[in-house]
C-alpha atoms as a PDB file:
ATOM      1  CA  MET A   1       8.016   3.761-115.453  1.00  0.00           C
ATOM      2  CA  ILE A   2       7.741   0.888-112.984  1.00  0.00           C
ATOM      3  CA  GLU A   3      11.520   0.564-112.703  1.00  0.00           C
ATOM      4  CA  GLY A   4      13.946   3.404-112.137  1.00  0.00           C
ATOM      5  CA  HIS A   5      12.414   5.414-109.316  1.00  0.00           C
ATOM      6  CA  GLY A   6      14.239   6.115-106.071  1.00  0.00           C
ATOM      7  CA  ASP A   7      14.095   4.080-102.863  1.00  0.00           C
ATOM      8  CA  ASP A   8      15.090   0.828-104.588  1.00  0.00           C
ATOM      9  CA  SER A   9      16.644  -0.683-101.463  1.00  0.00           C
ATOM     10  CA  TYR A  10      14.743  -3.910-102.190  1.00  0.00           C
ATOM     11  CA  LYS A  11      17.396  -4.671-104.837  1.00  0.00           C
ATOM     12  CA  TYR A  12      20.155  -4.989-102.260  1.00  0.00           C
ATOM     13  CA  SER A  13      20.893  -7.619 -99.624  1.00  0.00           C
ATOM     14  CA  GLN A  14      22.962  -5.164 -97.581  1.00  0.00           C
ATOM     15  CA  PRO A  15      21.097  -3.143 -94.940  1.00  0.00           C
ATOM     16  CA  ILE A  16      20.628   0.524 -95.861  1.00  0.00           C
ATOM     17  CA  ILE A  17      21.801   2.736 -93.012  1.00  0.00           C
ATOM     18  CA  ALA A  18      21.208   6.093 -94.714  1.00  0.00           C
ATOM     19  CA  ASN A  19      18.704   6.471 -97.566  1.00  0.00           C
ATOM     20  CA  PHE A  20      19.295   9.566 -99.728  1.00  0.00           C
ATOM     21  CA  SER A  21      17.434   8.140-102.733  1.00  0.00           C
ATOM     22  CA  SER A  22      13.849   9.114-101.831  1.00  0.00           C
ATOM     23  CA  ASN A  23      12.551  12.675-101.648  1.00  0.00           C
ATOM     24  CA  VAL A  24      10.060  11.709 -98.922  1.00  0.00           C
ATOM     25  CA  PHE A  25      10.892  13.345 -95.578  1.00  0.00           C
ATOM     26  CA  ASN A  26      10.399  10.381 -93.248  1.00  0.00           C
ATOM     27  CA  ARG A  27      10.806  12.044 -89.871  1.00  0.00           C
ATOM     28  CA  VAL A  28       7.091  12.443 -89.273  1.00  0.00           C
ATOM     29  CA  ASP A  29       5.444  11.007 -86.162  1.00  0.00           C
ATOM     30  CA  LEU A  30       2.616   8.887 -87.579  1.00  0.00           C
ATOM     31  CA  SER A  31       1.631   7.341 -84.239  1.00  0.00           C
ATOM     32  CA  ALA A  32      -1.559   9.425 -83.809  1.00  0.00           C
ATOM     33  CA  LEU A  33      -2.735   8.590 -87.335  1.00  0.00           C
ATOM     34  CA  GLN A  34      -1.839   4.926 -86.879  1.00  0.00           C
ATOM     35  CA  LYS A  35      -3.758   4.804 -83.602  1.00  0.00           C
ATOM     36  CA  HIS A  36      -6.791   6.406 -85.231  1.00  0.00           C
ATOM     37  CA  LEU A  37      -6.774   3.970 -88.147  1.00  0.00           C
ATOM     38  CA  CYS A  38      -6.339   1.005 -85.811  1.00  0.00           C
ATOM     39  CA  GLN A  39      -9.360   2.155 -83.821  1.00  0.00           C
ATOM     40  CA  CYS A  40     -11.311   2.349 -87.066  1.00  0.00           C
ATOM     41  CA  LEU A  41     -10.261  -1.147 -88.116  1.00  0.00           C
ATOM     42  CA  VAL A  42     -10.718  -2.717 -84.669  1.00  0.00           C
ATOM     43  CA  PRO A  43     -13.069  -0.372 -82.791  1.00  0.00           C
ATOM     44  CA  THR A  44     -13.147  -0.628 -79.008  1.00  0.00           C
ATOM     45  CA  ASP A  45     -16.592   0.948 -78.887  1.00  0.00           C
ATOM     46  CA  ALA A  46     -19.350   1.964 -81.285  1.00  0.00           C
ATOM     47  CA  THR A  47     -18.287   5.610 -81.372  1.00  0.00           C
ATOM     48  CA  SER A  48     -14.560   5.136 -81.989  1.00  0.00           C
ATOM     49  CA  CYS A  49     -14.971   5.603 -85.748  1.00  0.00           C
ATOM     50  CA  LYS A  50     -17.883   6.723 -87.882  1.00  0.00           C
ATOM     51  CA  CYS A  51     -17.395   3.646 -90.074  1.00  0.00           C
ATOM     52  CA  SER A  52     -16.253   0.721 -87.962  1.00  0.00           C
ATOM     53  CA  ASN A  53     -15.752  -1.562 -90.937  1.00  0.00           C
ATOM     54  CA  LEU A  54     -13.332   0.043 -93.328  1.00  0.00           C
ATOM     55  CA  LEU A  55     -12.267  -3.329 -94.694  1.00  0.00           C
ATOM     56  CA  THR A  56     -15.656  -4.908 -95.389  1.00  0.00           C
ATOM     57  CA  CYS A  57     -17.593  -1.864 -96.620  1.00  0.00           C
ATOM     58  CA  TYR A  58     -17.112  -0.336-100.057  1.00  0.00           C
ATOM     59  CA  PRO A  59     -15.566   3.135-100.012  1.00  0.00           C
ATOM     60  CA  GLU A  60     -17.400   6.045-101.591  1.00  0.00           C
ATOM     61  CA  PRO A  61     -17.320   5.529-105.396  1.00  0.00           C
ATOM     62  CA  GLU A  62     -15.723   8.961-105.478  1.00  0.00           C
ATOM     63  CA  PRO A  63     -14.233  10.340-102.249  1.00  0.00           C
ATOM     64  CA  PHE A  64     -16.851  13.109-101.962  1.00  0.00           C
ATOM     65  CA  THR A  65     -16.491  13.579 -98.207  1.00  0.00           C
ATOM     66  CA  LEU A  66     -12.741  14.147 -98.314  1.00  0.00           C
ATOM     67  CA  GLU A  67     -13.045  16.386-101.376  1.00  0.00           C
ATOM     68  CA  ALA A  68     -15.612  18.527 -99.541  1.00  0.00           C
ATOM     69  CA  ARG A  69     -13.374  18.698 -96.471  1.00  0.00           C
ATOM     70  CA  LEU A  70     -10.363  19.831 -98.518  1.00  0.00           C
ATOM     71  CA  ALA A  71     -12.490  22.311-100.447  1.00  0.00           C
ATOM     72  CA  LEU A  72     -13.634  23.859 -97.169  1.00  0.00           C
ATOM     73  CA  LYS A  73     -10.029  24.047 -95.977  1.00  0.00           C
ATOM     74  CA  TYR A  74      -8.904  25.844 -99.137  1.00  0.00           C
ATOM     75  CA  HIS A  75     -12.019  28.012 -99.601  1.00  0.00           C
ATOM     76  CA  LEU A  76     -13.026  26.291-102.840  1.00  0.00           C
ATOM     77  CA  PRO A  77     -16.232  24.823-104.240  1.00  0.00           C
ATOM     78  CA  ALA A  78     -16.293  21.051-103.693  1.00  0.00           C
ATOM     79  CA  ARG A  79     -16.234  20.497-107.463  1.00  0.00           C
ATOM     80  CA  SER A  80     -12.830  22.220-107.638  1.00  0.00           C
ATOM     81  CA  VAL A  81     -11.118  19.403-105.730  1.00  0.00           C
ATOM     82  CA  MET A  82     -10.568  15.827-106.906  1.00  0.00           C
ATOM     83  CA  VAL A  83      -8.903  13.336-104.561  1.00  0.00           C
ATOM     84  CA  THR A  84      -6.804  10.677-106.294  1.00  0.00           C
ATOM     85  CA  ASN A  85      -4.861   7.500-105.600  1.00  0.00           C
ATOM     86  CA  GLY A  86      -1.647   9.456-105.197  1.00  0.00           C
ATOM     87  CA  ALA A  87      -0.590  12.292-107.488  1.00  0.00           C
ATOM     88  CA  THR A  88       0.332   9.630-110.054  1.00  0.00           C
ATOM     89  CA  GLU A  89      -3.309   8.715-110.677  1.00  0.00           C
ATOM     90  CA  ALA A  90      -3.973  12.403-111.319  1.00  0.00           C
ATOM     91  CA  ILE A  91      -1.150  12.515-113.879  1.00  0.00           C
ATOM     92  CA  TYR A  92      -2.572   9.597-115.841  1.00  0.00           C
ATOM     93  CA  LEU A  93      -6.142  10.913-115.580  1.00  0.00           C
ATOM     94  CA  ILE A  94      -5.095  14.268-117.013  1.00  0.00           C
ATOM     95  CA  ALA A  95      -3.223  12.593-119.873  1.00  0.00           C
ATOM     96  CA  GLN A  96      -6.246  10.393-120.603  1.00  0.00           C
ATOM     97  CA  THR A  97      -8.766  13.240-120.428  1.00  0.00           C
ATOM     98  CA  PHE A  98      -6.786  15.349-122.897  1.00  0.00           C
ATOM     99  CA  ARG A  99      -5.815  12.410-125.089  1.00  0.00           C
ATOM    100  CA  GLY A 100      -3.931  13.239-128.298  1.00  0.00           C
ATOM    101  CA  THR A 101      -2.938  16.746-127.210  1.00  0.00           C
ATOM    102  CA  ASN A 102       0.161  18.601-128.402  1.00  0.00           C
ATOM    103  CA  THR A 103       2.050  18.583-125.117  1.00  0.00           C
ATOM    104  CA  ALA A 104       5.255  20.175-123.836  1.00  0.00           C
ATOM    105  CA  ILE A 105       7.135  18.880-120.778  1.00  0.00           C
ATOM    106  CA  LEU A 106       9.772  21.008-119.084  1.00  0.00           C
ATOM    107  CA  GLN A 107      12.757  18.674-118.668  1.00  0.00           C
ATOM    108  CA  PRO A 108      14.531  17.105-116.890  1.00  0.00           C
ATOM    109  CA  THR A 109      11.638  16.106-114.652  1.00  0.00           C
ATOM    110  CA  PHE A 110       9.489  13.315-113.229  1.00  0.00           C
ATOM    111  CA  SER A 111       9.182  10.618-115.886  1.00  0.00           C
ATOM    112  CA  GLU A 112       5.502   9.810-115.317  1.00  0.00           C
ATOM    113  CA  TYR A 113       4.388  12.911-117.242  1.00  0.00           C
ATOM    114  CA  PHE A 114       6.011  11.574-120.406  1.00  0.00           C
ATOM    115  CA  ASP A 115       4.927   7.990-119.755  1.00  0.00           C
ATOM    116  CA  ALA A 116       1.296   8.984-119.165  1.00  0.00           C
ATOM    117  CA  CYS A 117       1.180  11.264-122.193  1.00  0.00           C
ATOM    118  CA  SER A 118       2.797   8.638-124.419  1.00  0.00           C
ATOM    119  CA  MET A 119       0.269   6.044-123.258  1.00  0.00           C
ATOM    120  CA  HIS A 120      -2.585   8.326-124.292  1.00  0.00           C
ATOM    121  CA  GLY A 121      -1.361   9.446-127.685  1.00  0.00           C
ATOM    122  CA  HIS A 122      -0.003  12.903-126.878  1.00  0.00           C
ATOM    123  CA  ARG A 123       2.470  14.442-129.293  1.00  0.00           C
ATOM    124  CA  VAL A 124       5.161  15.257-126.745  1.00  0.00           C
ATOM    125  CA  THR A 125       7.827  17.947-127.059  1.00  0.00           C
ATOM    126  CA  SER A 126      10.599  18.137-124.465  1.00  0.00           C
ATOM    127  CA  ILE A 127      11.578  21.706-123.618  1.00  0.00           C
ATOM    128  CA  TYR A 128      14.382  22.964-121.402  1.00  0.00           C
ATOM    129  CA  GLN A 129      13.188  26.501-120.737  1.00  0.00           C
ATOM    130  CA  LEU A 130       9.780  28.078-120.185  1.00  0.00           C
ATOM    131  CA  SER A 131       8.981  28.838-123.818  1.00  0.00           C
ATOM    132  CA  PHE A 132       7.044  26.775-126.327  1.00  0.00           C
ATOM    133  CA  GLY A 133       5.584  26.823-129.830  1.00  0.00           C
ATOM    134  CA  ASP A 134       2.185  28.074-130.942  1.00  0.00           C
ATOM    135  CA  ASP A 135       0.925  24.513-131.483  1.00  0.00           C
ATOM    136  CA  ILE A 136       1.291  23.489-127.810  1.00  0.00           C
ATOM    137  CA  ARG A 137      -1.965  22.967-125.892  1.00  0.00           C
ATOM    138  CA  MET A 138      -0.702  21.473-122.628  1.00  0.00           C
ATOM    139  CA  LEU A 139       2.395  22.222-120.530  1.00  0.00           C
ATOM    140  CA  TRP A 140       3.656  20.039-117.661  1.00  0.00           C
ATOM    141  CA  LEU A 141       5.693  21.811-114.998  1.00  0.00           C
ATOM    142  CA  CYS A 142       6.998  20.293-111.756  1.00  0.00           C
ATOM    143  CA  ASN A 143       7.463  23.049-109.182  1.00  0.00           C
ATOM    144  CA  PRO A 144       9.611  22.508-107.110  1.00  0.00           C
ATOM    145  CA  ASN A 145      11.110  20.403-109.839  1.00  0.00           C
ATOM    146  CA  ASN A 146      12.223  16.816-109.410  1.00  0.00           C
ATOM    147  CA  PRO A 147      15.184  16.124-109.788  1.00  0.00           C
ATOM    148  CA  THR A 148      16.804  19.570-109.962  1.00  0.00           C
ATOM    149  CA  GLY A 149      15.181  21.251-106.941  1.00  0.00           C
ATOM    150  CA  GLU A 150      14.562  24.353-109.053  1.00  0.00           C
ATOM    151  CA  VAL A 151      11.537  26.541-108.253  1.00  0.00           C
ATOM    152  CA  HIS A 152      10.214  28.556-111.161  1.00  0.00           C
ATOM    153  CA  ASP A 153       9.223  32.153-110.559  1.00  0.00           C
ATOM    154  CA  LYS A 154       5.509  32.455-109.789  1.00  0.00           C
ATOM    155  CA  GLN A 155       5.215  35.802-111.561  1.00  0.00           C
ATOM    156  CA  ALA A 156       6.766  34.392-114.742  1.00  0.00           C
ATOM    157  CA  ILE A 157       4.402  31.399-114.708  1.00  0.00           C
ATOM    158  CA  THR A 158       1.427  33.706-114.124  1.00  0.00           C
ATOM    159  CA  PHE A 159       2.441  35.765-117.158  1.00  0.00           C
ATOM    160  CA  LEU A 160       2.484  32.622-119.319  1.00  0.00           C
ATOM    161  CA  ILE A 161      -0.880  31.437-117.977  1.00  0.00           C
ATOM    162  CA  LEU A 162      -2.498  34.752-118.850  1.00  0.00           C
ATOM    163  CA  ALA A 163      -0.709  35.074-122.194  1.00  0.00           C
ATOM    164  CA  HIS A 164      -1.678  31.542-123.318  1.00  0.00           C
ATOM    165  CA  PRO A 165      -5.316  30.855-122.417  1.00  0.00           C
ATOM    166  CA  GLU A 166      -5.337  28.104-125.060  1.00  0.00           C
ATOM    167  CA  VAL A 167      -2.754  26.089-123.076  1.00  0.00           C
ATOM    168  CA  CYS A 168      -3.648  23.927-120.074  1.00  0.00           C
ATOM    169  CA  PHE A 169      -0.901  24.338-117.461  1.00  0.00           C
ATOM    170  CA  VAL A 170      -0.428  21.235-115.310  1.00  0.00           C
ATOM    171  CA  ILE A 171       1.641  22.332-112.308  1.00  0.00           C
ATOM    172  CA  ASP A 172       2.788  19.552-110.010  1.00  0.00           C
ATOM    173  CA  GLN A 173       3.371  21.000-106.538  1.00  0.00           C
ATOM    174  CA  SER A 174       3.956  17.686-104.784  1.00  0.00           C
ATOM    175  CA  TYR A 175       6.934  19.211-102.951  1.00  0.00           C
ATOM    176  CA  GLU A 176       5.205  22.475-102.092  1.00  0.00           C
ATOM    177  CA  TYR A 177       5.735  22.003 -98.346  1.00  0.00           C
ATOM    178  CA  PHE A 178       9.510  21.776 -98.769  1.00  0.00           C
ATOM    179  CA  THR A 179      10.365  25.215-100.103  1.00  0.00           C
ATOM    180  CA  LEU A 180      10.152  28.789 -98.855  1.00  0.00           C
ATOM    181  CA  GLU A 181       9.606  30.147-102.376  1.00  0.00           C
ATOM    182  CA  SER A 182       6.245  31.596-103.405  1.00  0.00           C
ATOM    183  CA  LEU A 183       3.919  29.063-105.082  1.00  0.00           C
ATOM    184  CA  PHE A 184       0.302  28.992-106.213  1.00  0.00           C
ATOM    185  CA  THR A 185      -2.381  28.362-103.620  1.00  0.00           C
ATOM    186  CA  PRO A 186      -5.294  26.083-104.563  1.00  0.00           C
ATOM    187  CA  GLU A 187      -7.588  29.104-104.472  1.00  0.00           C
ATOM    188  CA  GLU A 188      -5.349  31.056-106.858  1.00  0.00           C
ATOM    189  CA  ALA A 189      -5.060  28.162-109.305  1.00  0.00           C
ATOM    190  CA  ALA A 190      -8.835  27.613-109.336  1.00  0.00           C
ATOM    191  CA  GLY A 191      -9.242  31.211-110.428  1.00  0.00           C
ATOM    192  CA  TYR A 192      -7.684  30.412-113.820  1.00  0.00           C
ATOM    193  CA  PRO A 193      -9.634  28.422-116.445  1.00  0.00           C
ATOM    194  CA  ASN A 194      -6.457  26.743-117.735  1.00  0.00           C
ATOM    195  CA  VAL A 195      -4.565  25.561-114.616  1.00  0.00           C
ATOM    196  CA  LEU A 196      -4.520  22.195-112.855  1.00  0.00           C
ATOM    197  CA  LEU A 197      -2.568  22.037-109.585  1.00  0.00           C
ATOM    198  CA  LEU A 198      -1.325  18.685-108.266  1.00  0.00           C
ATOM    199  CA  HIS A 199      -0.818  18.043-104.548  1.00  0.00           C
ATOM    200  CA  SER A 200       0.617  15.071-102.650  1.00  0.00           C
ATOM    201  CA  MET A 201      -0.281  13.948 -99.136  1.00  0.00           C
ATOM    202  CA  THR A 202       2.271  11.193 -99.748  1.00  0.00           C
ATOM    203  CA  LYS A 203       5.063  13.775 -99.713  1.00  0.00           C
ATOM    204  CA  ARG A 204       3.539  16.045 -97.076  1.00  0.00           C
ATOM    205  CA  TYR A 205       3.002  13.325 -94.469  1.00  0.00           C
ATOM    206  CA  ALA A 206       5.507  10.630 -95.548  1.00  0.00           C
ATOM    207  CA  LEU A 207       2.795   8.148 -96.546  1.00  0.00           C
ATOM    208  CA  PRO A 208       4.025   6.626 -99.826  1.00  0.00           C
ATOM    209  CA  GLY A 209       2.313   3.318 -99.068  1.00  0.00           C
ATOM    210  CA  LEU A 210      -1.085   4.942 -98.642  1.00  0.00           C
ATOM    211  CA  ARG A 211      -1.302   6.612-102.084  1.00  0.00           C
ATOM    212  CA  LEU A 212      -3.202   9.828-101.498  1.00  0.00           C
ATOM    213  CA  GLY A 213      -3.138  13.016-103.564  1.00  0.00           C
ATOM    214  CA  TYR A 214      -5.517  15.549-105.031  1.00  0.00           C
ATOM    215  CA  VAL A 215      -5.971  17.993-107.899  1.00  0.00           C
ATOM    216  CA  THR A 216      -7.337  21.517-107.600  1.00  0.00           C
ATOM    217  CA  GLY A 217      -8.543  23.731-110.430  1.00  0.00           C
ATOM    218  CA  CYS A 218     -11.563  25.473-111.868  1.00  0.00           C
ATOM    219  CA  GLU A 219     -14.779  23.448-111.764  1.00  0.00           C
ATOM    220  CA  GLY A 220     -14.911  22.973-115.540  1.00  0.00           C
ATOM    221  CA  LEU A 221     -11.475  21.347-115.762  1.00  0.00           C
ATOM    222  CA  ILE A 222     -12.024  19.135-112.719  1.00  0.00           C
ATOM    223  CA  ASP A 223     -15.415  18.033-114.064  1.00  0.00           C
ATOM    224  CA  ARG A 224     -13.699  16.866-117.256  1.00  0.00           C
ATOM    225  CA  LEU A 225     -11.250  14.778-115.233  1.00  0.00           C
ATOM    226  CA  ARG A 226     -14.062  13.160-113.243  1.00  0.00           C
ATOM    227  CA  THR A 227     -15.572  11.680-116.404  1.00  0.00           C
ATOM    228  CA  HIS A 228     -12.525   9.405-116.774  1.00  0.00           C
ATOM    229  CA  ARG A 229     -11.837   8.368-113.196  1.00  0.00           C
ATOM    230  CA  MET A 230     -12.352   4.776-112.054  1.00  0.00           C
ATOM    231  CA  PRO A 231     -14.904   4.187-109.308  1.00  0.00           C
ATOM    232  CA  TRP A 232     -13.426   3.307-105.914  1.00  0.00           C
ATOM    233  CA  SER A 233      -9.901   4.298-106.955  1.00  0.00           C
ATOM    234  CA  VAL A 234      -9.253   5.694-103.452  1.00  0.00           C
ATOM    235  CA  ASN A 235      -9.688   3.090-100.726  1.00  0.00           C
ATOM    236  CA  SER A 236     -11.506   3.532 -97.425  1.00  0.00           C
ATOM    237  CA  ILE A 237      -8.368   3.596 -95.273  1.00  0.00           C
ATOM    238  CA  ALA A 238      -6.798   6.322 -97.430  1.00  0.00           C
ATOM    239  CA  ILE A 239     -10.007   8.365 -97.281  1.00  0.00           C
ATOM    240  CA  GLU A 240     -10.194   8.026 -93.500  1.00  0.00           C
ATOM    241  CA  ALA A 241      -6.531   9.006 -93.205  1.00  0.00           C
ATOM    242  CA  GLY A 242      -7.132  12.040 -95.400  1.00  0.00           C
ATOM    243  CA  LEU A 243     -10.082  13.128 -93.270  1.00  0.00           C
ATOM    244  CA  TYR A 244      -7.989  12.773 -90.125  1.00  0.00           C
ATOM    245  CA  LEU A 245      -5.058  14.680 -91.614  1.00  0.00           C
ATOM    246  CA  SER A 246      -7.319  17.500 -92.777  1.00  0.00           C
ATOM    247  CA  GLU A 247      -8.192  18.198 -89.139  1.00  0.00           C
ATOM    248  CA  HIS A 248      -5.052  17.187 -87.225  1.00  0.00           C
ATOM    249  CA  GLU A 249      -1.474  18.320 -87.612  1.00  0.00           C
ATOM    250  CA  LEU A 250       0.983  15.469 -87.162  1.00  0.00           C
ATOM    251  CA  SER A 251       4.037  15.914 -85.007  1.00  0.00           C
ATOM    252  CA  THR A 252       7.099  16.418 -87.171  1.00  0.00           C
ATOM    253  CA  SER A 253      10.715  17.202 -86.512  1.00  0.00           C
ATOM    254  CA  LEU A 254      10.817  19.382 -89.629  1.00  0.00           C
ATOM    255  CA  ASP A 255      12.077  22.903 -89.051  1.00  0.00           C
ATOM    256  CA  LEU A 256      11.958  23.897 -92.720  1.00  0.00           C
ATOM    257  CA  PRO A 257      14.303  26.918 -92.612  1.00  0.00           C
ATOM    258  CA  ALA A 258      16.880  24.902 -90.662  1.00  0.00           C
ATOM    259  CA  TYR A 259      16.422  21.906 -92.961  1.00  0.00           C
ATOM    260  CA  LEU A 260      17.018  24.034 -96.050  1.00  0.00           C
ATOM    261  CA  GLU A 261      20.105  25.542 -94.425  1.00  0.00           C
ATOM    262  CA  GLU A 262      21.402  22.009 -93.934  1.00  0.00           C
ATOM    263  CA  ALA A 263      20.705  21.339 -97.623  1.00  0.00           C
ATOM    264  CA  LYS A 264      22.827  24.400 -98.468  1.00  0.00           C
ATOM    265  CA  ARG A 265      25.615  23.121 -96.218  1.00  0.00           C
ATOM    266  CA  LEU A 266      25.507  19.705 -97.870  1.00  0.00           C
ATOM    267  CA  SER A 267      25.541  21.268-101.346  1.00  0.00           C
ATOM    268  CA  ALA A 268      28.542  23.462-100.513  1.00  0.00           C
ATOM    269  CA  ALA A 269      30.436  20.552 -98.960  1.00  0.00           C
ATOM    270  CA  LEU A 270      29.817  18.382-102.031  1.00  0.00           C
ATOM    271  CA  LYS A 271      31.221  21.118-104.252  1.00  0.00           C
ATOM    272  CA  GLN A 272      34.326  21.333-102.060  1.00  0.00           C
ATOM    273  CA  LEU A 273      35.043  17.643-102.624  1.00  0.00           C
ATOM    274  CA  GLY A 274      35.940  18.375-106.235  1.00  0.00           C
ATOM    275  CA  GLY A 275      34.882  16.148-109.080  1.00  0.00           C
ATOM    276  CA  LEU A 276      31.216  17.081-108.628  1.00  0.00           C
ATOM    277  CA  GLU A 277      28.841  19.668-110.075  1.00  0.00           C
ATOM    278  CA  VAL A 278      25.865  20.457-107.845  1.00  0.00           C
ATOM    279  CA  TRP A 279      22.739  22.185-109.177  1.00  0.00           C
ATOM    280  CA  ASP A 280      21.398  25.069-107.091  1.00  0.00           C
ATOM    281  CA  THR A 281      18.253  23.964-105.269  1.00  0.00           C
ATOM    282  CA  ARG A 282      15.356  25.696-103.523  1.00  0.00           C
ATOM    283  CA  THR A 283      14.200  22.598-101.694  1.00  0.00           C
ATOM    284  CA  HIS A 284      15.665  19.665 -99.751  1.00  0.00           C
ATOM    285  CA  PHE A 285      16.886  17.518-102.658  1.00  0.00           C
ATOM    286  CA  MET A 286      19.517  18.289-105.275  1.00  0.00           C
ATOM    287  CA  LEU A 287      20.924  17.065-108.583  1.00  0.00           C
ATOM    288  CA  VAL A 288      24.624  16.206-108.743  1.00  0.00           C
ATOM    289  CA  ARG A 289      26.879  15.377-111.706  1.00  0.00           C
ATOM    290  CA  LEU A 290      30.042  13.295-111.522  1.00  0.00           C
ATOM    291  CA  ARG A 291      32.878  14.780-113.586  1.00  0.00           C
ATOM    292  CA  VAL A 292      34.606  11.386-113.679  1.00  0.00           C
ATOM    293  CA  GLY A 293      33.240   7.866-113.443  1.00  0.00           C
ATOM    294  CA  LYS A 294      29.716   6.494-113.654  1.00  0.00           C
ATOM    295  CA  VAL A 295      26.995   6.891-111.073  1.00  0.00           C
ATOM    296  CA  SER A 296      26.179   3.183-111.264  1.00  0.00           C
ATOM    297  CA  ALA A 297      29.653   2.427-109.896  1.00  0.00           C
ATOM    298  CA  LEU A 298      29.388   5.081-107.172  1.00  0.00           C
ATOM    299  CA  LYS A 299      25.932   3.869-106.172  1.00  0.00           C
ATOM    300  CA  ASP A 300      27.092   0.259-105.926  1.00  0.00           C
ATOM    301  CA  TYR A 301      30.125   1.290-103.877  1.00  0.00           C
ATOM    302  CA  LEU A 302      28.083   3.387-101.439  1.00  0.00           C
ATOM    303  CA  VAL A 303      25.646   0.544-100.811  1.00  0.00           C
ATOM    304  CA  ARG A 304      28.281  -2.184-100.431  1.00  0.00           C
ATOM    305  CA  LYS A 305      30.832  -0.267 -98.379  1.00  0.00           C
ATOM    306  CA  HIS A 306      28.725   2.206 -96.412  1.00  0.00           C
ATOM    307  CA  GLY A 307      25.058   1.156 -96.489  1.00  0.00           C
ATOM    308  CA  ILE A 308      24.187   4.437 -98.231  1.00  0.00           C
ATOM    309  CA  LEU A 309      21.623   4.618-101.055  1.00  0.00           C
ATOM    310  CA  ILE A 310      21.504   7.413-103.654  1.00  0.00           C
ATOM    311  CA  ARG A 311      19.222   7.902-106.661  1.00  0.00           C
ATOM    312  CA  ASP A 312      20.775   7.108-110.028  1.00  0.00           C
ATOM    313  CA  ALA A 313      19.316   9.927-112.163  1.00  0.00           C
ATOM    314  CA  SER A 314      20.591   8.723-115.531  1.00  0.00           C
ATOM    315  CA  ASN A 315      17.087   7.739-116.676  1.00  0.00           C
ATOM    316  CA  PHE A 316      15.702  11.281-116.472  1.00  0.00           C
ATOM    317  CA  GLU A 317      15.151  12.852-119.905  1.00  0.00           C
ATOM    318  CA  GLY A 318      18.198  14.946-120.809  1.00  0.00           C
ATOM    319  CA  LEU A 319      20.494  13.404-118.179  1.00  0.00           C
ATOM    320  CA  ASP A 320      23.121  10.686-118.561  1.00  0.00           C
ATOM    321  CA  GLU A 321      25.142   8.135-116.615  1.00  0.00           C
ATOM    322  CA  HIS A 322      26.972  10.834-114.622  1.00  0.00           C
ATOM    323  CA  PHE A 323      23.943  12.232-112.736  1.00  0.00           C
ATOM    324  CA  PHE A 324      22.539  11.345-109.342  1.00  0.00           C
ATOM    325  CA  ARG A 325      20.019  12.896-106.959  1.00  0.00           C
ATOM    326  CA  ILE A 326      20.110  13.015-103.187  1.00  0.00           C
ATOM    327  CA  ALA A 327      17.675  14.252-100.551  1.00  0.00           C
ATOM    328  CA  THR A 328      19.121  15.966 -97.495  1.00  0.00           C
ATOM    329  CA  GLN A 329      19.088  13.860 -94.316  1.00  0.00           C
ATOM    330  CA  THR A 330      20.354  14.568 -90.800  1.00  0.00           C
ATOM    331  CA  PRO A 331      23.711  16.362 -90.386  1.00  0.00           C
ATOM    332  CA  GLY A 332      25.268  13.095 -89.204  1.00  0.00           C
ATOM    333  CA  GLU A 333      23.991  11.140 -92.205  1.00  0.00           C
ATOM    334  CA  ASN A 334      25.032  13.922 -94.550  1.00  0.00           C
ATOM    335  CA  ASN A 335      28.542  13.859 -93.115  1.00  0.00           C
ATOM    336  CA  ARG A 336      28.601  10.088 -93.578  1.00  0.00           C
ATOM    337  CA  LEU A 337      27.732  10.570 -97.266  1.00  0.00           C
ATOM    338  CA  LEU A 338      30.427  13.208 -97.736  1.00  0.00           C
ATOM    339  CA  THR A 339      33.069  10.962 -96.171  1.00  0.00           C
ATOM    340  CA  ALA A 340      31.970   7.997 -98.280  1.00  0.00           C
ATOM    341  CA  ILE A 341      32.071   9.923-101.572  1.00  0.00           C
ATOM    342  CA  ALA A 342      35.491  11.362-100.693  1.00  0.00           C
ATOM    343  CA  GLN A 343      36.699   7.836-100.019  1.00  0.00           C
ATOM    344  CA  TRP A 344      35.330   6.638-103.381  1.00  0.00           C
ATOM    345  CA  PHE A 345      37.217   9.434-105.147  1.00  0.00           C
ATOM    346  CA  SER A 346      40.420   8.446-103.365  1.00  0.00           C
ATOM    347  CA  GLU A 347      40.021   4.816-104.463  1.00  0.00           C
ATOM    348  CA  TYR A 348      38.742   5.504-107.989  1.00  0.00           C
END
């Protein structure tokens, strides 16, 4: 789905003062990474970067060096890690590798699972709880889930994995750094022959323009994915950034417990406005339903009158024109959103 994702501020001429539409936490200090990459692109001396010509040299056909670095970090064999051009490339590679599979997708969720599976001839069943028929051979699960913020119980998922060895479980943990709930580690996932775990450096480090993700799993499953990957799908700058990030922690203003408490405050305040249903969330974003009116009208009003952008969630499977998603921002921005929605209700 090229259209219909969040962060569509490019559609509006008005400046966006507060952006609630993207789940990327943008308050990450990227200055050290930017400085490192600049030194690589325009080295001041011969030792400033191991490859002083990231733009004019081909990258590794497959990003072996970064895969080995991540494998070392997570105590895995190098063949159990595959770096991709964002988690989205991994989604399409998995769908292509298992072309024509009977697939179940736990909805509502990220639309690219359905789009990728449809492109590659999967027979897709949408499910709304963690149970599926005997004919299913692949299950897609976003955890924490986009757009609901729900986190599925690790013990319950483990039971299903063990009870259904014939099913490949694709678990997208792109938002794994934004919850305090227990999730699978790469090492745990690689211990199962039927689990693929998706990870996103885009989400972790607020680098959506860089496109950098990776898949972890048992060597056999990852080897199957490698047979379908394009050469040079991950560019040299992304690889260099990944290598830097694997060794350096970036400065961030994120105090996760405090951030999640602010998400709880925002959720409770939205409920108190009346006219809204707010889904319980275990991460920083949440799904909201308007009891009256259409989200398209609310979204347009918030942009025009307040410079606030929300995510119209009506195009998620199983949702309609009354749903929107927001990601928690600063207390001041959150208060601005609450005031703006209250004003819309008063004028509706």
